[in-house]
Structure formats: C-alpha cells, structure tokens
Amino acid sequence: MSHTEKEFRTVRGYELLRQEDKVLTPSMEDYLEMACRLSRGKGYSRVGDLAAALNVQPPSASRMVQKLSGMGYVNYRKYGVVELTSRGQELGDYLLKRHDTIEQFLSIIGVTEGILEETEKIEHNISEGTLERIRVLVAFMQEHRQWIDAFNDYQKKLR
C-alpha cells in the first residue's frame, strides 16, 4: 500500500473507532486493573483503597465500581468491599499484563522519567498485534541481556 493509499487518522480517530468494539472506557480499565492489583493475595479490594491508589475521591470510585458491577466485572458489597467476578479477574489479569509489558518495554529503551504516565498513555491506545510484538521483544531482550547493553551503548554514542 503506498503512502497516499493509507488511511491516516488522528489518535482520537483510532480511539473512537476502537470504542465501537470496546465496552470499557480507559478510566474503567484503570479501575479494573487497579482492583485486580489491590486484590492480589486477599481476593478483594476496597473502594477507599481504589480511590487512594487512583488519586480520586471515594464517591467517584464508588460510582465507577457500581458501573463495573452493573457490567458484571465486580461484585460490590457492603462496607466498600470490591470482589472481581471471574470475568473481571480474567480481564483484570490481561490489563495488568498489558501494563507490565509496556512498562518493561519503556524501561528497556531507557525511559525513566514519567514512565508510569507514558505507560498509561500507551496502554489504552495500543493494538493487540502491536502489544504482542512488544511482549515478544521484551521477552527476547530479557533473555539476551547483551542486546540491552548494546542498545544502551548505542544510545550513549548518539547523545
């Protein structure tokens, strides 16, 4: 396909196209990912803990948890207890893996400042195919540390 035949779009355009296929907003994904992260080991999280971890007010967290509950991703219980359903656990595990893969990739290429913010920007806008290729590259680089060293040496040479 030539340059003129390609369908160019803004990032916002891709986001709108993806939302037709996608039920969760990026914010919902963040809540589900954090609920999964916080519930590791104990099997549940709390609305107050979610609010603190995501730097939002508890009423906002409560409203979002109620939405996720209505969609079948979490069970919301008295006293602010949030338990992931099997569907929520499966998606939460995927979201954590996606986040970790992107963060590891950024770390490998030398991003240190604002790595969490950069990860957040990328994770909600990356295609499944691109994510899988990054996952394979990260695994390869971790298995072949000499490539990371060579890359870092090359970066220093370019500066």
N, C-alpha and C. Protein backbone atom coordinates (compact mmCIF):
# COMPACT_ATOMS: atom_id res chain seq x y z
N MET A 1 0.86 -1.17 0.00
CA MET A 1 0.00 0.00 0.00
C MET A 1 0.90 1.23 0.00
N SER A 2 0.67 2.13 -0.91
CA SER A 2 1.51 3.33 -0.99
C SER A 2 1.10 4.33 0.08
N HIS A 3 1.98 5.30 0.27
CA HIS A 3 1.75 6.35 1.27
C HIS A 3 0.41 7.04 1.04
N THR A 4 0.05 7.28 -0.20
CA THR A 4 -1.19 8.01 -0.48
C THR A 4 -2.43 7.13 -0.33
N GLU A 5 -2.25 5.79 -0.38
CA GLU A 5 -3.39 4.90 -0.24
C GLU A 5 -3.71 4.57 1.22
N LYS A 6 -2.79 4.85 2.13
CA LYS A 6 -3.01 4.53 3.53
C LYS A 6 -4.09 5.41 4.12
N GLU A 7 -4.83 4.85 5.06
CA GLU A 7 -5.85 5.62 5.75
C GLU A 7 -5.25 6.24 6.99
N PHE A 8 -4.86 7.50 6.93
CA PHE A 8 -4.29 8.17 8.08
C PHE A 8 -5.40 8.70 8.96
N ARG A 9 -5.19 8.59 10.26
CA ARG A 9 -6.16 9.10 11.23
C ARG A 9 -5.41 9.70 12.40
N THR A 10 -6.09 10.56 13.10
CA THR A 10 -5.52 11.07 14.34
C THR A 10 -5.67 10.00 15.40
N VAL A 11 -4.94 10.13 16.49
CA VAL A 11 -5.08 9.18 17.60
C VAL A 11 -6.52 9.15 18.08
N ARG A 12 -7.14 10.32 18.14
CA ARG A 12 -8.54 10.41 18.57
C ARG A 12 -9.44 9.60 17.64
N GLY A 13 -9.13 9.62 16.34
CA GLY A 13 -9.91 8.85 15.37
C GLY A 13 -9.83 7.36 15.65
N TYR A 14 -8.63 6.88 15.94
CA TYR A 14 -8.47 5.46 16.28
C TYR A 14 -9.21 5.14 17.57
N GLU A 15 -9.15 6.06 18.53
CA GLU A 15 -9.82 5.83 19.80
C GLU A 15 -11.33 5.69 19.59
N LEU A 16 -11.89 6.55 18.77
CA LEU A 16 -13.33 6.48 18.50
C LEU A 16 -13.70 5.19 17.78
N LEU A 17 -12.85 4.77 16.84
CA LEU A 17 -13.12 3.53 16.13
C LEU A 17 -13.08 2.35 17.09
N ARG A 18 -12.11 2.34 17.97
CA ARG A 18 -11.96 1.24 18.92
C ARG A 18 -13.12 1.19 19.90
N GLN A 19 -13.67 2.34 20.26
CA GLN A 19 -14.74 2.36 21.25
C GLN A 19 -16.01 1.69 20.73
N GLU A 20 -16.15 1.61 19.40
CA GLU A 20 -17.31 0.90 18.86
C GLU A 20 -17.25 -0.58 19.23
N ASP A 21 -16.02 -1.13 19.30
CA ASP A 21 -15.84 -2.54 19.62
C ASP A 21 -15.63 -2.78 21.11
N LYS A 22 -15.46 -1.73 21.86
CA LYS A 22 -14.98 -1.84 23.23
C LYS A 22 -16.04 -1.33 24.20
N VAL A 23 -16.28 -2.09 25.25
CA VAL A 23 -17.30 -1.72 26.22
C VAL A 23 -16.71 -0.80 27.29
N LEU A 24 -15.47 -1.03 27.66
CA LEU A 24 -14.85 -0.28 28.75
C LEU A 24 -14.13 0.96 28.25
N THR A 25 -14.29 2.04 28.99
CA THR A 25 -13.52 3.25 28.71
C THR A 25 -12.13 3.08 29.33
N PRO A 26 -11.15 3.92 28.94
CA PRO A 26 -9.83 3.85 29.58
C PRO A 26 -9.91 4.00 31.10
N SER A 27 -10.80 4.85 31.58
CA SER A 27 -10.96 5.04 33.02
C SER A 27 -11.46 3.76 33.68
N MET A 28 -12.42 3.10 33.06
CA MET A 28 -12.93 1.83 33.59
C MET A 28 -11.83 0.79 33.62
N GLU A 29 -11.02 0.76 32.57
CA GLU A 29 -9.89 -0.17 32.53
C GLU A 29 -8.94 0.09 33.70
N ASP A 30 -8.67 1.37 33.96
CA ASP A 30 -7.78 1.72 35.07
C ASP A 30 -8.32 1.22 36.40
N TYR A 31 -9.61 1.38 36.63
CA TYR A 31 -10.22 0.91 37.87
C TYR A 31 -10.14 -0.61 37.97
N LEU A 32 -10.45 -1.29 36.89
CA LEU A 32 -10.42 -2.75 36.91
C LEU A 32 -9.00 -3.26 37.10
N GLU A 33 -8.05 -2.64 36.42
CA GLU A 33 -6.64 -3.02 36.58
C GLU A 33 -6.19 -2.82 38.02
N MET A 34 -6.56 -1.69 38.62
CA MET A 34 -6.14 -1.41 40.00
C MET A 34 -6.85 -2.33 40.98
N ALA A 35 -8.12 -2.62 40.75
CA ALA A 35 -8.84 -3.55 41.62
C ALA A 35 -8.17 -4.92 41.60
N CYS A 36 -7.73 -5.33 40.44
CA CYS A 36 -7.03 -6.60 40.29
C CYS A 36 -5.69 -6.55 41.03
N ARG A 37 -4.96 -5.46 40.88
CA ARG A 37 -3.67 -5.30 41.54
C ARG A 37 -3.84 -5.31 43.07
N LEU A 38 -4.82 -4.57 43.57
CA LEU A 38 -5.03 -4.46 45.01
C LEU A 38 -5.59 -5.73 45.64
N SER A 39 -6.29 -6.53 44.86
CA SER A 39 -6.93 -7.72 45.42
C SER A 39 -6.01 -8.94 45.43
N ARG A 40 -4.83 -8.79 44.87
CA ARG A 40 -3.88 -9.91 44.88
C ARG A 40 -3.59 -10.33 46.32
N GLY A 41 -3.67 -11.61 46.54
CA GLY A 41 -3.35 -12.12 47.87
C GLY A 41 -4.54 -12.22 48.80
N LYS A 42 -5.41 -11.21 48.79
CA LYS A 42 -6.54 -11.26 49.73
C LYS A 42 -7.88 -11.50 49.05
N GLY A 43 -7.93 -11.39 47.73
CA GLY A 43 -9.15 -11.72 47.00
C GLY A 43 -10.17 -10.60 46.89
N TYR A 44 -9.87 -9.44 47.43
CA TYR A 44 -10.79 -8.32 47.34
C TYR A 44 -10.00 -7.02 47.51
N SER A 45 -10.65 -5.93 47.16
CA SER A 45 -10.11 -4.60 47.45
C SER A 45 -11.25 -3.79 48.06
N ARG A 46 -10.97 -2.57 48.40
CA ARG A 46 -11.99 -1.69 48.97
C ARG A 46 -12.06 -0.40 48.16
N VAL A 47 -13.23 0.19 48.13
CA VAL A 47 -13.43 1.42 47.38
C VAL A 47 -12.44 2.50 47.84
N GLY A 48 -12.26 2.63 49.15
CA GLY A 48 -11.33 3.63 49.67
C GLY A 48 -9.91 3.41 49.19
N ASP A 49 -9.49 2.14 49.12
CA ASP A 49 -8.15 1.82 48.63
C ASP A 49 -8.02 2.12 47.14
N LEU A 50 -9.07 1.80 46.39
CA LEU A 50 -9.07 2.14 44.96
C LEU A 50 -8.97 3.64 44.76
N ALA A 51 -9.76 4.39 45.51
CA ALA A 51 -9.74 5.85 45.40
C ALA A 51 -8.35 6.40 45.70
N ALA A 52 -7.74 5.91 46.76
CA ALA A 52 -6.41 6.39 47.14
C ALA A 52 -5.38 6.03 46.07
N ALA A 53 -5.43 4.79 45.57
CA ALA A 53 -4.45 4.33 44.58
C ALA A 53 -4.58 5.08 43.26
N LEU A 54 -5.80 5.48 42.91
CA LEU A 54 -6.04 6.17 41.64
C LEU A 54 -6.13 7.70 41.79
N ASN A 55 -5.92 8.17 43.01
CA ASN A 55 -5.95 9.62 43.29
C ASN A 55 -7.27 10.26 42.89
N VAL A 56 -8.37 9.61 43.29
CA VAL A 56 -9.71 10.16 43.05
C VAL A 56 -10.45 10.18 44.38
N GLN A 57 -11.55 10.87 44.41
CA GLN A 57 -12.38 10.93 45.62
C GLN A 57 -13.18 9.64 45.78
N PRO A 58 -13.41 9.18 47.01
CA PRO A 58 -14.18 7.95 47.23
C PRO A 58 -15.55 7.92 46.53
N PRO A 59 -16.31 9.02 46.50
CA PRO A 59 -17.59 8.94 45.78
C PRO A 59 -17.43 8.65 44.29
N SER A 60 -16.37 9.19 43.69
CA SER A 60 -16.10 8.89 42.27
C SER A 60 -15.77 7.42 42.09
N ALA A 61 -14.94 6.90 42.97
CA ALA A 61 -14.58 5.48 42.91
C ALA A 61 -15.81 4.61 43.11
N SER A 62 -16.67 4.99 44.03
CA SER A 62 -17.89 4.23 44.30
C SER A 62 -18.79 4.19 43.07
N ARG A 63 -18.95 5.32 42.40
CA ARG A 63 -19.78 5.36 41.18
C ARG A 63 -19.20 4.46 40.10
N MET A 64 -17.88 4.49 39.92
CA MET A 64 -17.26 3.67 38.89
C MET A 64 -17.38 2.18 39.23
N VAL A 65 -17.20 1.83 40.48
CA VAL A 65 -17.33 0.44 40.90
C VAL A 65 -18.77 -0.04 40.67
N GLN A 66 -19.74 0.83 40.91
CA GLN A 66 -21.13 0.46 40.65
C GLN A 66 -21.35 0.21 39.16
N LYS A 67 -20.73 1.02 38.30
CA LYS A 67 -20.83 0.79 36.84
C LYS A 67 -20.21 -0.55 36.47
N LEU A 68 -19.02 -0.82 37.01
CA LEU A 68 -18.35 -2.08 36.71
C LEU A 68 -19.14 -3.27 37.25
N SER A 69 -19.80 -3.07 38.37
CA SER A 69 -20.66 -4.11 38.93
C SER A 69 -21.83 -4.39 37.99
N GLY A 70 -22.44 -3.33 37.49
CA GLY A 70 -23.55 -3.47 36.56
C GLY A 70 -23.16 -4.15 35.26
N MET A 71 -21.88 -4.08 34.92
CA MET A 71 -21.37 -4.71 33.69
C MET A 71 -20.88 -6.14 33.94
N GLY A 72 -20.92 -6.56 35.21
CA GLY A 72 -20.55 -7.93 35.53
C GLY A 72 -19.07 -8.17 35.77
N TYR A 73 -18.30 -7.10 36.00
CA TYR A 73 -16.86 -7.26 36.22
C TYR A 73 -16.49 -7.37 37.70
N VAL A 74 -17.32 -6.80 38.57
CA VAL A 74 -17.05 -6.84 40.00
C VAL A 74 -18.35 -7.08 40.77
N ASN A 75 -18.19 -7.57 41.98
CA ASN A 75 -19.28 -7.61 42.94
C ASN A 75 -18.96 -6.56 43.98
N TYR A 76 -19.93 -5.67 44.21
CA TYR A 76 -19.74 -4.57 45.14
C TYR A 76 -20.56 -4.89 46.38
N ARG A 77 -19.88 -5.02 47.50
CA ARG A 77 -20.52 -5.45 48.73
C ARG A 77 -20.57 -4.31 49.76
N LYS A 78 -21.28 -4.57 50.84
CA LYS A 78 -21.36 -3.59 51.93
C LYS A 78 -19.97 -3.24 52.43
N TYR A 79 -19.86 -2.07 52.99
CA TYR A 79 -18.62 -1.55 53.57
C TYR A 79 -17.52 -1.35 52.53
N GLY A 80 -17.93 -1.19 51.26
CA GLY A 80 -16.98 -0.85 50.22
C GLY A 80 -16.11 -1.97 49.71
N VAL A 81 -16.47 -3.22 49.98
CA VAL A 81 -15.67 -4.36 49.51
C VAL A 81 -15.95 -4.60 48.03
N VAL A 82 -14.87 -4.73 47.26
CA VAL A 82 -14.96 -4.96 45.81
C VAL A 82 -14.29 -6.30 45.51
N GLU A 83 -15.08 -7.22 44.95
CA GLU A 83 -14.54 -8.52 44.54
C GLU A 83 -14.70 -8.66 43.04
N LEU A 84 -13.64 -9.11 42.39
CA LEU A 84 -13.70 -9.33 40.95
C LEU A 84 -14.50 -10.59 40.65
N THR A 85 -15.35 -10.53 39.64
CA THR A 85 -16.01 -11.73 39.15
C THR A 85 -14.99 -12.50 38.32
N SER A 86 -15.32 -13.68 37.88
CA SER A 86 -14.36 -14.43 37.04
C SER A 86 -14.08 -13.66 35.76
N ARG A 87 -15.10 -13.03 35.22
CA ARG A 87 -14.94 -12.20 34.02
C ARG A 87 -14.02 -11.01 34.33
N GLY A 88 -14.24 -10.37 35.47
CA GLY A 88 -13.43 -9.23 35.88
C GLY A 88 -11.99 -9.64 36.17
N GLN A 89 -11.81 -10.81 36.78
CA GLN A 89 -10.47 -11.31 37.08
C GLN A 89 -9.70 -11.58 35.79
N GLU A 90 -10.36 -12.20 34.84
CA GLU A 90 -9.72 -12.51 33.56
C GLU A 90 -9.28 -11.24 32.84
N LEU A 91 -10.19 -10.27 32.77
CA LEU A 91 -9.84 -9.02 32.10
C LEU A 91 -8.82 -8.23 32.92
N GLY A 92 -8.96 -8.23 34.24
CA GLY A 92 -8.01 -7.54 35.09
C GLY A 92 -6.60 -8.10 34.94
N ASP A 93 -6.49 -9.42 34.87
CA ASP A 93 -5.18 -10.05 34.66
C ASP A 93 -4.59 -9.62 33.32
N TYR A 94 -5.43 -9.57 32.29
CA TYR A 94 -4.97 -9.12 30.97
C TYR A 94 -4.48 -7.66 31.05
N LEU A 95 -5.25 -6.80 31.71
CA LEU A 95 -4.88 -5.39 31.81
C LEU A 95 -3.58 -5.21 32.58
N LEU A 96 -3.38 -5.98 33.64
CA LEU A 96 -2.12 -5.92 34.39
C LEU A 96 -0.96 -6.37 33.52
N LYS A 97 -1.15 -7.45 32.78
CA LYS A 97 -0.10 -7.96 31.90
C LYS A 97 0.23 -6.92 30.82
N ARG A 98 -0.79 -6.30 30.26
CA ARG A 98 -0.58 -5.27 29.24
C ARG A 98 0.23 -4.12 29.82
N HIS A 99 -0.16 -3.67 31.00
CA HIS A 99 0.54 -2.57 31.66
C HIS A 99 2.00 -2.94 31.92
N ASP A 100 2.21 -4.11 32.50
CA ASP A 100 3.56 -4.54 32.85
C ASP A 100 4.44 -4.69 31.61
N THR A 101 3.87 -5.23 30.53
CA THR A 101 4.62 -5.39 29.28
C THR A 101 5.09 -4.04 28.74
N ILE A 102 4.20 -3.08 28.71
CA ILE A 102 4.55 -1.75 28.18
C ILE A 102 5.56 -1.07 29.09
N GLU A 103 5.36 -1.18 30.40
CA GLU A 103 6.30 -0.57 31.34
C GLU A 103 7.70 -1.20 31.21
N GLN A 104 7.75 -2.53 31.06
CA GLN A 104 9.05 -3.20 30.87
C GLN A 104 9.72 -2.74 29.58
N PHE A 105 8.94 -2.62 28.52
CA PHE A 105 9.47 -2.15 27.24
C PHE A 105 10.06 -0.76 27.38
N LEU A 106 9.31 0.14 27.99
CA LEU A 106 9.80 1.51 28.16
C LEU A 106 11.06 1.54 29.01
N SER A 107 11.11 0.70 30.01
CA SER A 107 12.31 0.62 30.85
C SER A 107 13.51 0.13 30.04
N ILE A 108 13.29 -0.88 29.21
CA ILE A 108 14.37 -1.42 28.37
C ILE A 108 14.94 -0.35 27.44
N ILE A 109 14.07 0.48 26.89
CA ILE A 109 14.57 1.50 25.95
C ILE A 109 15.06 2.75 26.66
N GLY A 110 15.08 2.71 27.99
CA GLY A 110 15.71 3.78 28.75
C GLY A 110 14.81 4.87 29.28
N VAL A 111 13.50 4.68 29.19
CA VAL A 111 12.59 5.68 29.75
C VAL A 111 12.61 5.52 31.27
N THR A 112 12.93 6.58 31.97
CA THR A 112 12.93 6.54 33.43
C THR A 112 12.01 7.62 33.98
N GLU A 113 12.07 8.78 33.41
CA GLU A 113 11.26 9.89 33.88
C GLU A 113 9.83 9.76 33.35
N GLY A 114 8.87 9.75 34.25
CA GLY A 114 7.46 9.70 33.85
C GLY A 114 7.05 8.39 33.21
N ILE A 115 7.71 7.29 33.59
CA ILE A 115 7.41 6.00 32.95
C ILE A 115 5.97 5.55 33.19
N LEU A 116 5.43 5.82 34.36
CA LEU A 116 4.05 5.43 34.64
C LEU A 116 3.07 6.20 33.75
N GLU A 117 3.28 7.50 33.63
CA GLU A 117 2.42 8.32 32.78
C GLU A 117 2.52 7.88 31.32
N GLU A 118 3.73 7.60 30.85
CA GLU A 118 3.91 7.14 29.47
C GLU A 118 3.22 5.80 29.25
N THR A 119 3.35 4.91 30.23
CA THR A 119 2.69 3.61 30.14
C THR A 119 1.18 3.79 30.03
N GLU A 120 0.63 4.66 30.86
CA GLU A 120 -0.81 4.92 30.83
C GLU A 120 -1.27 5.45 29.48
N LYS A 121 -0.48 6.33 28.89
CA LYS A 121 -0.85 6.90 27.59
C LYS A 121 -0.89 5.82 26.51
N ILE A 122 0.07 4.93 26.56
CA ILE A 122 0.19 3.91 25.51
C ILE A 122 -0.82 2.79 25.69
N GLU A 123 -1.01 2.33 26.93
CA GLU A 123 -1.77 1.11 27.15
C GLU A 123 -3.22 1.17 26.66
N HIS A 124 -3.80 2.33 26.64
CA HIS A 124 -5.20 2.43 26.21
C HIS A 124 -5.35 2.64 24.71
N ASN A 125 -4.22 2.75 24.01
CA ASN A 125 -4.28 3.06 22.59
C ASN A 125 -3.49 2.09 21.73
N ILE A 126 -3.07 0.99 22.28
CA ILE A 126 -2.22 0.05 21.54
C ILE A 126 -3.07 -1.10 21.02
N SER A 127 -2.74 -1.54 19.82
CA SER A 127 -3.48 -2.68 19.25
C SER A 127 -2.97 -3.97 19.86
N GLU A 128 -3.78 -4.98 19.76
CA GLU A 128 -3.43 -6.30 20.28
C GLU A 128 -2.18 -6.84 19.58
N GLY A 129 -2.11 -6.67 18.27
CA GLY A 129 -0.96 -7.16 17.50
C GLY A 129 0.34 -6.48 17.90
N THR A 130 0.29 -5.16 18.07
CA THR A 130 1.48 -4.42 18.48
C THR A 130 1.90 -4.81 19.88
N LEU A 131 0.94 -4.96 20.77
CA LEU A 131 1.24 -5.37 22.14
C LEU A 131 1.93 -6.73 22.15
N GLU A 132 1.45 -7.66 21.36
CA GLU A 132 2.05 -8.99 21.30
C GLU A 132 3.49 -8.92 20.80
N ARG A 133 3.74 -8.10 19.80
CA ARG A 133 5.12 -7.95 19.29
C ARG A 133 6.03 -7.33 20.34
N ILE A 134 5.52 -6.37 21.09
CA ILE A 134 6.30 -5.77 22.17
C ILE A 134 6.57 -6.81 23.25
N ARG A 135 5.57 -7.63 23.57
CA ARG A 135 5.75 -8.68 24.57
C ARG A 135 6.87 -9.63 24.16
N VAL A 136 6.87 -10.03 22.89
CA VAL A 136 7.91 -10.94 22.39
C VAL A 136 9.27 -10.25 22.43
N LEU A 137 9.33 -8.98 22.04
CA LEU A 137 10.59 -8.24 22.07
C LEU A 137 11.12 -8.11 23.50
N VAL A 138 10.25 -7.81 24.45
CA VAL A 138 10.65 -7.70 25.85
C VAL A 138 11.21 -9.04 26.34
N ALA A 139 10.51 -10.13 26.03
CA ALA A 139 10.99 -11.45 26.45
C ALA A 139 12.35 -11.76 25.82
N PHE A 140 12.50 -11.42 24.55
CA PHE A 140 13.77 -11.64 23.86
C PHE A 140 14.90 -10.83 24.51
N MET A 141 14.62 -9.56 24.75
CA MET A 141 15.64 -8.69 25.34
C MET A 141 16.01 -9.14 26.75
N GLN A 142 15.06 -9.61 27.50
CA GLN A 142 15.35 -10.09 28.86
C GLN A 142 16.17 -11.38 28.82
N GLU A 143 15.94 -12.18 27.82
CA GLU A 143 16.70 -13.43 27.67
C GLU A 143 18.10 -13.18 27.10
N HIS A 144 18.24 -12.10 26.34
CA HIS A 144 19.51 -11.77 25.69
C HIS A 144 19.97 -10.39 26.16
N ARG A 145 20.37 -10.32 27.41
CA ARG A 145 20.74 -9.04 28.05
C ARG A 145 21.81 -8.28 27.26
N GLN A 146 22.64 -9.00 26.52
CA GLN A 146 23.70 -8.34 25.76
C GLN A 146 23.12 -7.37 24.73
N TRP A 147 21.91 -7.63 24.25
CA TRP A 147 21.26 -6.72 23.31
C TRP A 147 20.85 -5.43 24.00
N ILE A 148 20.42 -5.55 25.24
CA ILE A 148 20.07 -4.35 26.02
C ILE A 148 21.32 -3.52 26.25
N ASP A 149 22.41 -4.18 26.62
CA ASP A 149 23.67 -3.47 26.83
C ASP A 149 24.13 -2.78 25.55
N ALA A 150 24.04 -3.50 24.43
CA ALA A 150 24.44 -2.92 23.14
C ALA A 150 23.55 -1.72 22.79
N PHE A 151 22.27 -1.85 23.05
CA PHE A 151 21.34 -0.75 22.78
C PHE A 151 21.68 0.47 23.64
N ASN A 152 21.94 0.24 24.92
CA ASN A 152 22.29 1.34 25.81
C ASN A 152 23.59 2.01 25.39
N ASP A 153 24.58 1.22 24.99
CA ASP A 153 25.84 1.78 24.49
C ASP A 153 25.61 2.62 23.24
N TYR A 154 24.76 2.14 22.37
CA TYR A 154 24.44 2.87 21.13
C TYR A 154 23.76 4.20 21.45
N GLN A 155 22.83 4.18 22.40
CA GLN A 155 22.14 5.41 22.80
C GLN A 155 23.13 6.45 23.32
N LYS A 156 24.07 5.98 24.14
CA LYS A 156 25.08 6.89 24.69
C LYS A 156 25.92 7.52 23.58
N LYS A 157 26.23 6.71 22.59
CA LYS A 157 27.03 7.18 21.45
C LYS A 157 26.29 8.28 20.66
N LEU A 158 24.99 8.17 20.59
CA LEU A 158 24.18 9.14 19.83
C LEU A 158 23.97 10.46 20.55
N ARG A 159 24.14 10.45 21.86
CA ARG A 159 23.87 11.67 22.64
C ARG A 159 24.95 12.69 22.48
